[in-house]
Amino acid sequence: MTRADIHILLRDLLREVLDDTSVNPHPDDLESDIPGFDSGRKIQLILAVEERLGVRLRSREVDGLRRFGDWLNLLHQRVAGP
């Protein structure tokens, strides 16, 4: 899965979680820049990502996620492997 594929997948999952098809996050966007994205939605997104990609995100990994690009980097590493 390419980084572009992950970007599209993550964007689409975020849209589902927020129930807002207009959301179009960029890698430099902070989580707080995304309207409606809060800690509850973050948990929903984590669960959706884990289910869709078949990965398990660790607490310390999730704690480091601040920007949309952080999500992309983490998922690219996890899906592409070491």
Protein backbone atom coordinates (compact mmCIF):
# COMPACT_ATOMS: atom_id res chain seq x y z
CA MET A 1 0.00 0.00 0.00
CA THR A 2 1.48 3.33 -1.02
CA ARG A 3 1.53 6.47 1.07
CA ALA A 4 -1.06 7.96 -1.31
CA ASP A 5 -3.32 4.94 -0.77
CA ILE A 6 -2.99 5.34 2.99
CA HIS A 7 -3.78 9.06 2.71
CA ILE A 8 -6.99 8.31 0.80
CA LEU A 9 -7.98 5.50 3.16
CA LEU A 10 -7.33 7.58 6.27
CA ARG A 11 -9.17 10.58 4.82
CA ASP A 12 -12.16 8.37 3.98
CA LEU A 13 -12.19 6.78 7.45
CA LEU A 14 -12.00 10.23 9.03
CA ARG A 15 -14.93 11.34 6.89
CA GLU A 16 -16.92 8.32 8.06
CA VAL A 17 -16.08 8.91 11.72
CA LEU A 18 -16.99 12.59 11.49
CA ASP A 19 -19.94 11.96 9.15
CA ASP A 20 -18.64 14.82 6.99
CA THR A 21 -17.62 14.22 3.39
CA SER A 22 -16.15 17.71 3.08
CA VAL A 23 -13.23 16.94 5.42
CA ASN A 24 -9.98 17.01 3.46
CA PRO A 25 -7.05 16.97 5.89
CA HIS A 26 -3.51 17.79 4.81
CA PRO A 27 -0.38 16.27 6.36
CA ASP A 28 0.50 19.50 8.20
CA ASP A 29 -2.96 19.83 9.78
CA LEU A 30 -3.05 19.42 13.53
CA GLU A 31 -5.78 17.17 14.85
CA SER A 32 -7.26 20.29 16.47
CA ASP A 33 -7.50 21.91 13.00
CA ILE A 34 -9.99 19.27 11.87
CA PRO A 35 -13.53 20.43 12.76
CA GLY A 36 -15.34 17.98 15.04
CA PHE A 37 -12.26 15.85 15.73
CA ASP A 38 -11.97 15.29 19.47
CA SER A 39 -10.73 12.54 21.76
CA GLY A 40 -13.85 10.44 21.26
CA ARG A 41 -13.56 10.68 17.49
CA LYS A 42 -9.85 9.84 17.76
CA ILE A 43 -10.74 6.56 19.48
CA GLN A 44 -13.29 5.82 16.77
CA LEU A 45 -10.69 6.52 14.09
CA ILE A 46 -8.13 4.29 15.81
CA LEU A 47 -10.64 1.43 15.91
CA ALA A 48 -11.63 1.97 12.28
CA VAL A 49 -7.98 2.01 11.18
CA GLU A 50 -7.19 -1.14 13.14
CA GLU A 51 -10.16 -2.96 11.66
CA ARG A 52 -9.61 -1.83 8.07
CA LEU A 53 -5.85 -2.35 7.97
CA GLY A 54 -5.65 -5.33 10.30
CA VAL A 55 -3.09 -3.64 12.54
CA ARG A 56 -2.99 -2.99 16.25
CA LEU A 57 -1.89 0.51 17.26
CA ARG A 58 0.03 0.76 20.53
CA SER A 59 -0.76 3.41 23.14
CA ARG A 60 2.67 5.02 22.86
CA GLU A 61 2.23 5.27 19.08
CA VAL A 62 -1.18 6.87 19.41
CA ASP A 63 0.09 9.32 22.05
CA GLY A 64 2.54 10.73 19.48
CA LEU A 65 -0.10 11.52 16.89
CA ARG A 66 -0.63 15.27 16.63
CA ARG A 67 -0.82 16.01 12.91
CA PHE A 68 -2.55 14.19 10.08
CA GLY A 69 0.93 13.55 8.68
CA ASP A 70 1.85 11.72 11.91
CA TRP A 71 -1.01 9.32 11.23
CA LEU A 72 0.20 8.84 7.65
CA ASN A 73 3.78 8.17 8.72
CA LEU A 74 2.77 5.68 11.40
CA LEU A 75 0.39 3.77 9.16
CA HIS A 76 2.85 3.70 6.28
CA GLN A 77 5.48 2.22 8.60
CA ARG A 78 3.04 -0.33 10.00
CA VAL A 79 1.59 -1.43 6.66
CA ALA A 80 4.85 -1.34 4.69
CA GLY A 81 6.78 -2.99 7.52
CA PRO A 82 10.30 -2.24 8.73
